[in-house]
C-alpha atoms as a PDB file:
ATOM      1  CA  MET A   1       0.659  17.175  30.695  1.00  0.00           C
ATOM      2  CA  SER A   2       1.462  13.614  29.658  1.00  0.00           C
ATOM      3  CA  PHE A   3       1.619  10.210  31.302  1.00  0.00           C
ATOM      4  CA  GLN A   4       2.732   6.746  30.268  1.00  0.00           C
ATOM      5  CA  PHE A   5       0.404   3.926  29.216  1.00  0.00           C
ATOM      6  CA  ASP A   6       2.563   1.231  30.866  1.00  0.00           C
ATOM      7  CA  GLU A   7       2.269   2.978  34.238  1.00  0.00           C
ATOM      8  CA  GLN A   8      -1.525   3.029  33.921  1.00  0.00           C
ATOM      9  CA  MET A   9      -1.631  -0.698  33.046  1.00  0.00           C
ATOM     10  CA  ALA A  10       0.622  -1.579  35.995  1.00  0.00           C
ATOM     11  CA  MET A  11      -1.730   0.231  38.380  1.00  0.00           C
ATOM     12  CA  ALA A  12      -4.789  -1.527  36.918  1.00  0.00           C
ATOM     13  CA  ASP A  13      -3.157  -4.946  37.443  1.00  0.00           C
ATOM     14  CA  ASP A  14      -1.905  -4.211  40.967  1.00  0.00           C
ATOM     15  CA  PRO A  15      -3.351  -6.974  43.241  1.00  0.00           C
ATOM     16  CA  ALA A  16      -4.374  -4.393  45.866  1.00  0.00           C
ATOM     17  CA  VAL A  17      -6.249  -2.394  43.206  1.00  0.00           C
ATOM     18  CA  LYS A  18      -7.986  -5.544  41.927  1.00  0.00           C
ATOM     19  CA  GLU A  19      -9.029  -6.463  45.475  1.00  0.00           C
ATOM     20  CA  ALA A  20     -10.410  -2.969  46.165  1.00  0.00           C
ATOM     21  CA  ILE A  21     -12.374  -2.909  42.909  1.00  0.00           C
ATOM     22  CA  SER A  22     -13.786  -6.388  43.508  1.00  0.00           C
ATOM     23  CA  ALA A  23     -14.861  -5.473  47.061  1.00  0.00           C
ATOM     24  CA  TYR A  24     -16.529  -2.270  45.850  1.00  0.00           C
ATOM     25  CA  ILE A  25     -18.490  -4.009  43.085  1.00  0.00           C
ATOM     26  CA  ARG A  26     -19.636  -6.785  45.438  1.00  0.00           C
ATOM     27  CA  GLN A  27     -20.734  -4.233  48.046  1.00  0.00           C
ATOM     28  CA  TYR A  28     -22.766  -1.998  45.765  1.00  0.00           C
ATOM     29  CA  PHE A  29     -24.099  -4.332  43.055  1.00  0.00           C
ATOM     30  CA  PRO A  30     -26.676  -6.866  44.234  1.00  0.00           C
ATOM     31  CA  GLY A  31     -26.495 -10.481  43.154  1.00  0.00           C
ATOM     32  CA  VAL A  32     -22.835 -10.690  42.073  1.00  0.00           C
ATOM     33  CA  ALA A  33     -21.839 -14.326  41.588  1.00  0.00           C
ATOM     34  CA  SER A  34     -18.293 -13.775  40.303  1.00  0.00           C
ATOM     35  CA  ILE A  35     -15.882 -11.205  38.902  1.00  0.00           C
ATOM     36  CA  GLU A  36     -13.621 -12.317  36.043  1.00  0.00           C
ATOM     37  CA  ARG A  37     -10.669 -10.595  34.381  1.00  0.00           C
ATOM     38  CA  ALA A  38     -11.351 -10.069  30.679  1.00  0.00           C
ATOM     39  CA  SER A  39      -9.055 -11.370  27.949  1.00  0.00           C
ATOM     40  CA  PRO A  40      -6.665  -8.999  26.103  1.00  0.00           C
ATOM     41  CA  ALA A  41      -8.981  -9.132  23.057  1.00  0.00           C
ATOM     42  CA  GLU A  42     -11.988  -8.182  25.210  1.00  0.00           C
ATOM     43  CA  ASP A  43      -9.928  -5.422  26.832  1.00  0.00           C
ATOM     44  CA  LYS A  44      -9.576  -3.765  23.414  1.00  0.00           C
ATOM     45  CA  LEU A  45     -13.373  -3.834  23.092  1.00  0.00           C
ATOM     46  CA  GLY A  46     -13.822  -1.985  26.387  1.00  0.00           C
ATOM     47  CA  THR A  47     -13.963  -4.690  29.061  1.00  0.00           C
ATOM     48  CA  ASP A  48     -11.446  -5.004  31.888  1.00  0.00           C
ATOM     49  CA  TYR A  49     -13.707  -7.153  34.080  1.00  0.00           C
ATOM     50  CA  TRP A  50     -16.838  -9.228  33.569  1.00  0.00           C
ATOM     51  CA  VAL A  51     -19.209  -9.092  36.521  1.00  0.00           C
ATOM     52  CA  VAL A  52     -21.384 -12.204  36.427  1.00  0.00           C
ATOM     53  CA  LEU A  53     -24.700 -11.933  38.247  1.00  0.00           C
ATOM     54  CA  GLU A  54     -26.570 -14.774  39.910  1.00  0.00           C
ATOM     55  CA  SER A  55     -29.087 -14.533  37.049  1.00  0.00           C
ATOM     56  CA  GLY A  56     -26.289 -15.437  34.632  1.00  0.00           C
ATOM     57  CA  LYS A  57     -26.193 -11.956  33.094  1.00  0.00           C
ATOM     58  CA  LYS A  58     -22.683 -10.589  32.430  1.00  0.00           C
ATOM     59  CA  LEU A  59     -21.873  -6.902  32.842  1.00  0.00           C
ATOM     60  CA  SER A  60     -18.844  -5.308  31.207  1.00  0.00           C
ATOM     61  CA  PHE A  61     -16.745  -2.973  33.390  1.00  0.00           C
ATOM     62  CA  ASP A  62     -14.033  -0.680  32.053  1.00  0.00           C
ATOM     63  CA  ILE A  63     -11.710   0.349  34.908  1.00  0.00           C
ATOM     64  CA  LYS A  64      -9.906   3.700  35.005  1.00  0.00           C
ATOM     65  CA  VAL A  65      -7.269   3.869  37.753  1.00  0.00           C
ATOM     66  CA  ARG A  66      -5.830   7.218  38.780  1.00  0.00           C
ATOM     67  CA  LYS A  67      -2.804   7.376  41.054  1.00  0.00           C
ATOM     68  CA  THR A  68      -3.578  10.735  42.686  1.00  0.00           C
ATOM     69  CA  ASP A  69      -6.936  12.028  43.881  1.00  0.00           C
ATOM     70  CA  TYR A  70      -6.695  15.801  43.505  1.00  0.00           C
ATOM     71  CA  ALA A  71     -10.099  16.253  45.155  1.00  0.00           C
ATOM     72  CA  TYR A  72      -8.172  16.054  48.443  1.00  0.00           C
ATOM     73  CA  ARG A  73      -5.446  18.520  47.455  1.00  0.00           C
ATOM     74  CA  ASP A  74      -5.334  22.277  47.874  1.00  0.00           C
ATOM     75  CA  PRO A  75      -6.946  23.594  45.767  1.00  0.00           C
ATOM     76  CA  PRO A  76      -9.253  20.576  45.227  1.00  0.00           C
ATOM     77  CA  GLN A  77      -9.791  19.346  41.674  1.00  0.00           C
ATOM     78  CA  ASP A  78     -12.485  16.673  41.442  1.00  0.00           C
ATOM     79  CA  ASP A  79     -12.620  15.640  37.792  1.00  0.00           C
ATOM     80  CA  LEU A  80     -13.081  12.699  35.434  1.00  0.00           C
ATOM     81  CA  ALA A  81     -10.674  11.930  32.590  1.00  0.00           C
ATOM     82  CA  LEU A  82     -12.766  11.673  29.404  1.00  0.00           C
ATOM     83  CA  GLU A  83     -10.927  10.439  26.315  1.00  0.00           C
ATOM     84  CA  ARG A  84     -11.462  12.414  23.121  1.00  0.00           C
ATOM     85  CA  TRP A  85      -8.852  10.603  21.014  1.00  0.00           C
ATOM     86  CA  SER A  86      -7.605   7.035  21.366  1.00  0.00           C
ATOM     87  CA  VAL A  87      -5.063   7.848  18.643  1.00  0.00           C
ATOM     88  CA  VAL A  88      -4.880  11.609  18.136  1.00  0.00           C
ATOM     89  CA  GLY A  89      -6.399  12.605  14.805  1.00  0.00           C
ATOM     90  CA  LYS A  90      -7.091   9.007  13.754  1.00  0.00           C
ATOM     91  CA  LYS A  91      -9.241   7.052  16.225  1.00  0.00           C
ATOM     92  CA  ILE A  92     -11.921   8.467  18.501  1.00  0.00           C
ATOM     93  CA  GLY A  93     -11.585   7.960  22.243  1.00  0.00           C
ATOM     94  CA  TRP A  94     -13.530   5.454  24.324  1.00  0.00           C
ATOM     95  CA  THR A  95     -15.781   8.143  25.790  1.00  0.00           C
ATOM     96  CA  GLN A  96     -17.491   8.734  22.447  1.00  0.00           C
ATOM     97  CA  ASP A  97     -17.184   5.253  20.929  1.00  0.00           C
ATOM     98  CA  GLN A  98     -20.638   3.673  21.077  1.00  0.00           C
ATOM     99  CA  ASN A  99     -19.209   0.478  19.558  1.00  0.00           C
ATOM    100  CA  LYS A 100     -17.535  -0.416  22.853  1.00  0.00           C
ATOM    101  CA  GLN A 101     -19.124  -3.383  24.639  1.00  0.00           C
ATOM    102  CA  THR A 102     -18.810  -1.554  27.971  1.00  0.00           C
ATOM    103  CA  ASP A 103     -21.757  -1.360  30.381  1.00  0.00           C
ATOM    104  CA  PHE A 104     -20.100   0.634  33.191  1.00  0.00           C
ATOM    105  CA  ILE A 105     -17.067   2.884  33.627  1.00  0.00           C
ATOM    106  CA  LEU A 106     -15.508   2.668  37.070  1.00  0.00           C
ATOM    107  CA  TRP A 107     -12.914   5.210  38.168  1.00  0.00           C
ATOM    108  CA  TYR A 108     -10.720   4.349  41.150  1.00  0.00           C
ATOM    109  CA  TRP A 109      -8.377   6.831  42.826  1.00  0.00           C
ATOM    110  CA  LYS A 110      -5.608   4.726  44.321  1.00  0.00           C
ATOM    111  CA  ASP A 111      -4.354   7.085  47.034  1.00  0.00           C
ATOM    112  CA  SER A 112      -7.778   7.954  48.493  1.00  0.00           C
ATOM    113  CA  GLY A 113      -9.671   4.737  47.742  1.00  0.00           C
ATOM    114  CA  ARG A 114     -12.516   6.752  46.196  1.00  0.00           C
ATOM    115  CA  PHE A 115     -14.719   5.344  43.420  1.00  0.00           C
ATOM    116  CA  CYS A 116     -17.032   6.770  40.795  1.00  0.00           C
ATOM    117  CA  ILE A 117     -19.200   4.603  38.563  1.00  0.00           C
ATOM    118  CA  LEU A 118     -21.269   5.636  35.549  1.00  0.00           C
ATOM    119  CA  SER A 119     -23.375   3.982  32.883  1.00  0.00           C
ATOM    120  CA  PHE A 120     -21.179   3.969  29.798  1.00  0.00           C
ATOM    121  CA  LEU A 121     -24.007   4.563  27.300  1.00  0.00           C
ATOM    122  CA  LYS A 122     -25.303   7.559  29.267  1.00  0.00           C
ATOM    123  CA  LEU A 123     -21.801   9.016  29.525  1.00  0.00           C
ATOM    124  CA  CYS A 124     -21.135   8.370  25.832  1.00  0.00           C
ATOM    125  CA  SER A 125     -24.385  10.105  24.844  1.00  0.00           C
ATOM    126  CA  VAL A 126     -23.687  13.164  26.980  1.00  0.00           C
ATOM    127  CA  PHE A 127     -20.014  13.420  25.981  1.00  0.00           C
ATOM    128  CA  LYS A 128     -20.831  13.345  22.270  1.00  0.00           C
ATOM    129  CA  GLU A 129     -23.259  16.244  22.816  1.00  0.00           C
ATOM    130  CA  ARG A 130     -21.051  18.300  25.154  1.00  0.00           C
ATOM    131  CA  MET A 131     -17.534  17.433  23.926  1.00  0.00           C
ATOM    132  CA  THR A 132     -16.866  20.642  21.989  1.00  0.00           C
ATOM    133  CA  GLU A 133     -18.251  22.785  24.815  1.00  0.00           C
ATOM    134  CA  TRP A 134     -16.171  20.966  27.437  1.00  0.00           C
ATOM    135  CA  ILE A 135     -12.963  21.076  25.398  1.00  0.00           C
ATOM    136  CA  ILE A 136     -13.310  24.844  25.042  1.00  0.00           C
ATOM    137  CA  GLU A 137     -14.298  25.294  28.699  1.00  0.00           C
ATOM    138  CA  TYR A 138     -11.532  23.047  30.070  1.00  0.00           C
ATOM    139  CA  MET A 139      -8.826  23.647  27.470  1.00  0.00           C
ATOM    140  CA  ASP A 140      -6.206  23.961  30.225  1.00  0.00           C
ATOM    141  CA  GLU A 141      -7.143  20.452  31.378  1.00  0.00           C
ATOM    142  CA  ILE A 142      -6.362  18.567  28.161  1.00  0.00           C
ATOM    143  CA  HIS A 143      -3.835  15.785  28.808  1.00  0.00           C
ATOM    144  CA  THR A 144      -1.983  13.377  26.539  1.00  0.00           C
ATOM    145  CA  GLN A 145      -0.844   9.799  27.081  1.00  0.00           C
ATOM    146  CA  THR A 146       2.084   8.338  25.126  1.00  0.00           C
ATOM    147  CA  THR A 147       2.150   4.661  24.146  1.00  0.00           C
ATOM    148  CA  PHE A 148       5.203   2.895  22.752  1.00  0.00           C
ATOM    149  CA  THR A 149       4.553  -0.168  20.568  1.00  0.00           C
ATOM    150  CA  ASP A 150       6.510  -2.350  18.145  1.00  0.00           C
ATOM    151  CA  HIS A 151       4.884  -0.330  15.349  1.00  0.00           C
ATOM    152  CA  GLY A 152       5.814   3.093  16.692  1.00  0.00           C
ATOM    153  CA  ILE A 153       4.606   5.729  19.109  1.00  0.00           C
ATOM    154  CA  TYR A 154       1.116   7.167  19.347  1.00  0.00           C
ATOM    155  CA  GLN A 155      -0.680   9.543  21.656  1.00  0.00           C
ATOM    156  CA  SER A 156      -4.159   9.572  23.119  1.00  0.00           C
ATOM    157  CA  GLU A 157      -5.872  12.642  24.525  1.00  0.00           C
ATOM    158  CA  CYS A 158      -8.337  13.259  27.305  1.00  0.00           C
ATOM    159  CA  VAL A 159     -10.004  16.269  28.873  1.00  0.00           C
ATOM    160  CA  LEU A 160     -10.459  16.525  32.641  1.00  0.00           C
ATOM    161  CA  VAL A 161     -14.040  17.633  33.276  1.00  0.00           C
ATOM    162  CA  PRO A 162     -15.284  18.361  36.813  1.00  0.00           C
ATOM    163  CA  ARG A 163     -17.122  15.294  38.080  1.00  0.00           C
ATOM    164  CA  GLU A 164     -20.123  17.341  39.202  1.00  0.00           C
ATOM    165  CA  ILE A 165     -20.489  18.868  35.707  1.00  0.00           C
ATOM    166  CA  VAL A 166     -20.556  15.384  34.149  1.00  0.00           C
ATOM    167  CA  MET A 167     -23.096  14.179  36.729  1.00  0.00           C
ATOM    168  CA  GLN A 168     -25.313  17.227  36.165  1.00  0.00           C
ATOM    169  CA  ALA A 169     -25.261  16.688  32.389  1.00  0.00           C
ATOM    170  CA  ILE A 170     -26.261  13.022  32.770  1.00  0.00           C
ATOM    171  CA  HIS A 171     -28.965  13.914  35.285  1.00  0.00           C
ATOM    172  CA  ALA A 172     -30.365  16.668  33.031  1.00  0.00           C
ATOM    173  CA  LYS A 173     -30.676  14.270  30.104  1.00  0.00           C
ATOM    174  CA  PHE A 174     -31.801  11.032  31.755  1.00  0.00           C
ATOM    175  CA  ALA A 175     -33.427  11.773  35.124  1.00  0.00           C
ATOM    176  CA  GLY A 176     -36.807  12.794  33.716  1.00  0.00           C
ATOM    177  CA  GLU A 177     -36.723  16.313  35.099  1.00  0.00           C
ATOM    178  CA  PRO A 178     -39.538  18.408  33.571  1.00  0.00           C
ATOM    179  CA  THR A 179     -38.224  21.142  31.275  1.00  0.00           C
ATOM    180  CA  ILE A 180     -41.502  23.003  30.591  1.00  0.00           C
ATOM    181  CA  LYS A 181     -44.785  23.197  32.460  1.00  0.00           C
ATOM    182  CA  PRO A 182     -47.489  21.017  30.947  1.00  0.00           C
ATOM    183  CA  VAL A 183     -50.574  22.771  29.604  1.00  0.00           C
ATOM    184  CA  GLN A 184     -53.270  22.870  32.274  1.00  0.00           C
ATOM    185  CA  VAL A 185     -56.560  21.380  31.166  1.00  0.00           C
ATOM    186  CA  GLU A 186     -59.643  22.273  33.172  1.00  0.00           C
ATOM    187  CA  GLN A 187     -61.779  19.319  34.126  1.00  0.00           C
ATOM    188  CA  ALA A 188     -65.263  19.218  35.559  1.00  0.00           C
ATOM    189  CA  GLU A 189     -64.097  16.967  38.345  1.00  0.00           C
ATOM    190  CA  SER A 190     -60.867  15.322  39.310  1.00  0.00           C
ATOM    191  CA  VAL A 191     -60.585  11.699  38.217  1.00  0.00           C
ATOM    192  CA  PRO A 192     -57.631   9.700  39.552  1.00  0.00           C
ATOM    193  CA  GLU A 193     -55.343   8.293  36.857  1.00  0.00           C
ATOM    194  CA  PRO A 194     -55.071   4.522  36.646  1.00  0.00           C
ATOM    195  CA  CYS A 195     -51.793   2.932  37.677  1.00  0.00           C
ATOM    196  CA  PRO A 196     -49.535   2.155  34.696  1.00  0.00           C
END
């Protein structure tokens, strides 16, 4: 399956999409002072919007707009598009590029109004570990995007991984879940641990 880059850009710059994204960020992130559109140069580094907090801190958001939310179709398909190649065979995709300045990835499904937001560094870490496994597992869900430029045509490639699988992988790595039982040490009497 393939889709056009220009169509994706047009959706991202749709005023209604911008308004929905801005409202979502303001609702769920405390202390937002302003939301600013990034420059074209910053866009290439992984920032579509800068979210400026009241503290003065700036957070980088990369926005991924999808026209159709297949989670509401029959059969449902609730997935996230994770880019393996930015330029197939030449440049790695954003999902595994730790050099991006991105803080958060925000997916927005235009037809349903649904959002999903993830820490970019956590996603990047998990994707680099699980990429080969997910590409084999979801081989039928590998999609390409064609971009036409003054210098020629190139293709990018992403794999659609079920959202719940991505969330579980991030949770397993970062949520502090115990993986083995600690060794039990017998003590003469129980002494409460001091607060950290």
